[in-house]
Amino acid sequence: MTARAFDNATRPLLFGVVQGGMILSERKRCALGLIEIGFDGYGLGGRHVDMEGKFLGELMTALASFIPEDSIRFALGVGKPEDIVRLHSVGWDMFDCVIPTREGRHGRLFVWKEGKKIDSNHLDFYETININNEQFTRDFTSVDPSCDCTLCTHYTKGYLRHLFRVEESLAFSLASLHNLRFYAKLMEKLREM
């Protein structure tokens, strides 16, 4: 193998992942050790919810406070829209997950609720519709009139349901792209806050 040299402008960013489970002192010890080594950003390792699915707000807030403000805080595997909003509100910057595409492939679509505010105190800003439900068979409206994705600007709920029923691969693509656009728009809105 040959060595490749990177200057600071072209090298990949390096992240240390903070572990420690639900024990705050272990999370802090790990974070401080990683900071001593020095990384471009720090990732959230492990769970952000407890075994019952309850959001671990205090732990996530404390963990964010251990990480320098000029570093990227990467919440690995966090993907429910409400969890992204919660973590963003306490200092987390970046998120990744499979939820938008996995849910899309199963016909579950994220839709904005009209006029709803987005912040950590208002987490009812969206709903999920299951396009496979019979109620959408003859629904000739857009999945989300406020969305500018290809699905919402060119196709109807009824047509998308038909595509799912005949297992047309376009259904999975359109639904996944719609959900990805929902997430992109969510991040745009969070950056404006």
Protein backbone atom coordinates (compact mmCIF):
# COMPACT_ATOMS: atom_id res chain seq x y z
CA MET A 1 0.00 0.00 0.00
CA THR A 2 1.11 3.51 -0.65
CA ALA A 3 0.63 6.32 1.79
CA ARG A 4 -1.54 9.22 0.76
CA ALA A 5 -0.91 12.65 2.13
CA PHE A 6 -3.80 14.99 2.79
CA ASP A 7 -3.58 18.65 3.53
CA ASN A 8 -6.08 20.11 5.99
CA ALA A 9 -8.36 21.33 3.19
CA THR A 10 -8.79 17.91 1.56
CA ARG A 11 -8.42 15.35 4.32
CA PRO A 12 -11.51 13.53 5.57
CA LEU A 13 -12.95 14.63 8.89
CA LEU A 14 -12.21 12.30 11.78
CA PHE A 15 -14.75 11.58 14.51
CA GLY A 16 -14.31 10.01 17.91
CA VAL A 17 -17.39 8.18 19.18
CA VAL A 18 -18.34 8.81 22.81
CA GLN A 19 -19.37 5.60 24.56
CA GLY A 20 -20.37 4.87 28.13
CA GLY A 21 -23.93 3.66 28.00
CA MET A 22 -26.34 5.39 30.35
CA ILE A 23 -23.65 6.17 32.90
CA LEU A 24 -22.93 9.90 32.71
CA SER A 25 -19.54 9.65 34.43
CA GLU A 26 -18.38 7.06 31.87
CA ARG A 27 -19.65 9.20 28.99
CA LYS A 28 -17.76 12.17 30.38
CA ARG A 29 -14.57 10.13 30.91
CA CYS A 30 -14.76 8.85 27.32
CA ALA A 31 -15.51 12.32 25.90
CA LEU A 32 -12.61 13.94 27.74
CA GLY A 33 -10.24 11.18 26.62
CA LEU A 34 -11.29 11.62 23.00
CA ILE A 35 -10.97 15.40 23.25
CA GLU A 36 -7.43 14.94 24.55
CA ILE A 37 -6.61 12.90 21.42
CA GLY A 38 -8.26 15.54 19.26
CA PHE A 39 -10.90 14.96 16.58
CA ASP A 40 -12.83 17.15 14.16
CA GLY A 41 -16.08 16.01 15.70
CA TYR A 42 -17.53 13.68 18.26
CA GLY A 43 -20.24 11.12 17.77
CA LEU A 44 -22.96 9.89 20.06
CA GLY A 45 -22.38 6.19 20.55
CA GLY A 46 -25.08 3.96 21.95
CA ARG A 47 -28.69 4.82 22.61
CA HIS A 48 -30.42 8.17 23.03
CA VAL A 49 -33.52 6.50 24.48
CA ASP A 50 -33.90 4.11 27.40
CA MET A 51 -35.13 0.52 27.16
CA GLU A 52 -38.76 1.74 27.13
CA GLY A 53 -38.03 4.21 24.32
CA LYS A 54 -38.06 7.31 26.58
CA PHE A 55 -35.78 10.08 25.33
CA LEU A 56 -32.72 10.56 27.57
CA GLY A 57 -32.77 14.36 27.48
CA GLU A 58 -30.64 15.05 30.55
CA LEU A 59 -27.94 12.60 29.45
CA MET A 60 -27.88 13.98 25.88
CA THR A 61 -27.73 17.59 27.12
CA ALA A 62 -24.88 16.78 29.50
CA LEU A 63 -23.02 14.85 26.81
CA ALA A 64 -23.28 17.77 24.38
CA SER A 65 -21.86 20.06 27.08
CA PHE A 66 -18.70 17.93 27.34
CA ILE A 67 -17.91 18.40 23.64
CA PRO A 68 -16.20 21.65 22.57
CA GLU A 69 -18.57 24.08 20.84
CA ASP A 70 -16.25 24.42 17.85
CA SER A 71 -16.46 20.67 17.18
CA ILE A 72 -19.14 18.86 15.21
CA ARG A 73 -21.55 16.92 17.42
CA PHE A 74 -22.77 13.91 15.45
CA ALA A 75 -25.79 11.99 16.79
CA LEU A 76 -25.24 8.61 15.15
CA GLY A 77 -28.37 6.60 14.47
CA VAL A 78 -30.79 9.28 15.67
CA GLY A 79 -33.59 9.58 13.18
CA LYS A 80 -37.11 10.21 14.45
CA PRO A 81 -37.96 13.80 13.54
CA GLU A 82 -38.90 14.67 17.12
CA ASP A 83 -35.59 13.25 18.43
CA ILE A 84 -33.65 15.29 15.87
CA VAL A 85 -35.45 18.44 17.07
CA ARG A 86 -34.78 17.56 20.72
CA LEU A 87 -31.09 16.89 20.16
CA HIS A 88 -30.65 19.94 17.94
CA SER A 89 -32.11 22.08 20.74
CA VAL A 90 -29.36 20.92 23.14
CA GLY A 91 -26.45 21.37 20.75
CA TRP A 92 -26.20 18.38 18.40
CA ASP A 93 -25.38 19.30 14.78
CA MET A 94 -25.48 16.25 12.55
CA PHE A 95 -27.65 13.13 12.33
CA ASP A 96 -27.85 9.93 10.32
CA CYS A 97 -30.29 7.06 10.19
CA VAL A 98 -32.21 4.73 7.90
CA ILE A 99 -35.68 5.90 8.94
CA PRO A 100 -36.59 8.05 5.89
CA THR A 101 -35.83 5.32 3.36
CA ARG A 102 -36.94 2.35 5.46
CA GLU A 103 -40.27 3.97 6.25
CA GLY A 104 -40.65 5.02 2.62
CA ARG A 105 -40.09 1.48 1.36
CA HIS A 106 -42.95 0.37 3.62
CA GLY A 107 -45.31 3.10 2.42
CA ARG A 108 -45.05 5.30 5.49
CA LEU A 109 -44.68 8.96 4.58
CA PHE A 110 -43.83 11.98 6.73
CA VAL A 111 -46.19 14.91 6.20
CA TRP A 112 -46.01 18.41 7.67
CA LYS A 113 -48.93 19.54 9.83
CA GLU A 114 -50.05 22.92 8.60
CA GLY A 115 -49.18 25.86 10.84
CA LYS A 116 -47.37 23.81 13.49
CA LYS A 117 -44.32 25.29 15.19
CA ILE A 118 -41.10 23.28 15.37
CA ASP A 119 -39.14 23.34 18.62
CA SER A 120 -38.37 21.01 21.49
CA ASN A 121 -41.63 22.05 23.22
CA HIS A 122 -43.77 21.43 20.12
CA LEU A 123 -43.07 17.98 18.70
CA ASP A 124 -46.40 17.46 16.93
CA PHE A 125 -45.30 19.28 13.77
CA TYR A 126 -45.73 16.26 11.49
CA GLU A 127 -47.71 13.09 11.02
CA THR A 128 -47.00 9.79 9.35
CA ILE A 129 -49.45 8.42 6.82
CA ASN A 130 -49.48 4.83 5.62
CA ILE A 131 -50.21 5.02 1.90
CA ASN A 132 -51.14 1.32 1.92
CA ASN A 133 -54.35 2.12 3.83
CA GLU A 134 -57.49 1.63 1.77
CA GLN A 135 -58.64 5.19 2.42
CA PHE A 136 -56.09 6.39 -0.17
CA THR A 137 -57.36 4.20 -3.03
CA ARG A 138 -59.32 7.00 -4.68
CA ASP A 139 -57.51 9.95 -3.14
CA PHE A 140 -56.38 12.20 -5.97
CA THR A 141 -54.67 14.78 -3.79
CA SER A 142 -50.97 15.35 -3.21
CA VAL A 143 -49.28 13.51 -0.35
CA ASP A 144 -48.23 16.90 1.04
CA PRO A 145 -49.23 20.10 -0.77
CA SER A 146 -46.44 22.00 1.02
CA CYS A 147 -43.74 19.64 -0.29
CA ASP A 148 -41.78 20.31 -3.48
CA CYS A 149 -40.52 16.76 -4.11
CA THR A 150 -41.27 14.85 -7.32
CA LEU A 151 -43.90 12.69 -5.63
CA CYS A 152 -45.87 15.64 -4.27
CA THR A 153 -45.64 17.79 -7.40
CA HIS A 154 -46.44 15.09 -9.98
CA TYR A 155 -48.38 12.21 -8.40
CA THR A 156 -51.38 11.57 -6.13
CA LYS A 157 -51.88 9.47 -3.04
CA GLY A 158 -54.12 7.11 -4.99
CA TYR A 159 -51.53 6.57 -7.71
CA LEU A 160 -48.77 5.96 -5.17
CA ARG A 161 -50.98 3.46 -3.34
CA HIS A 162 -51.57 1.69 -6.67
CA LEU A 163 -47.80 1.51 -7.27
CA PHE A 164 -47.32 -0.07 -3.84
CA ARG A 165 -50.13 -2.57 -4.39
CA VAL A 166 -48.62 -3.80 -7.68
CA GLU A 167 -45.13 -3.75 -6.09
CA GLU A 168 -43.77 -1.33 -8.67
CA SER A 169 -40.25 -0.28 -7.64
CA LEU A 170 -41.05 3.34 -8.50
CA ALA A 171 -43.26 3.39 -5.38
CA PHE A 172 -40.30 2.70 -3.10
CA SER A 173 -38.18 5.33 -4.83
CA LEU A 174 -40.85 8.05 -4.78
CA ALA A 175 -41.77 7.42 -1.14
CA SER A 176 -38.11 7.33 -0.06
CA LEU A 177 -37.32 10.53 -1.96
CA HIS A 178 -40.33 12.24 -0.40
CA ASN A 179 -39.20 11.28 3.11
CA LEU A 180 -35.64 12.40 2.37
CA ARG A 181 -37.00 15.77 1.22
CA PHE A 182 -39.02 16.00 4.45
CA TYR A 183 -35.81 15.46 6.43
CA ALA A 184 -33.86 17.96 4.32
CA LYS A 185 -36.60 20.54 4.91
CA LEU A 186 -36.56 19.74 8.64
CA MET A 187 -32.82 20.45 8.75
CA GLU A 188 -33.32 23.68 6.78
CA LYS A 189 -35.92 24.81 9.34
CA LEU A 190 -33.66 23.89 12.26
CA ARG A 191 -30.78 25.89 10.76
CA GLU A 192 -33.08 28.94 10.59
CA MET A 193 -33.86 28.74 14.33
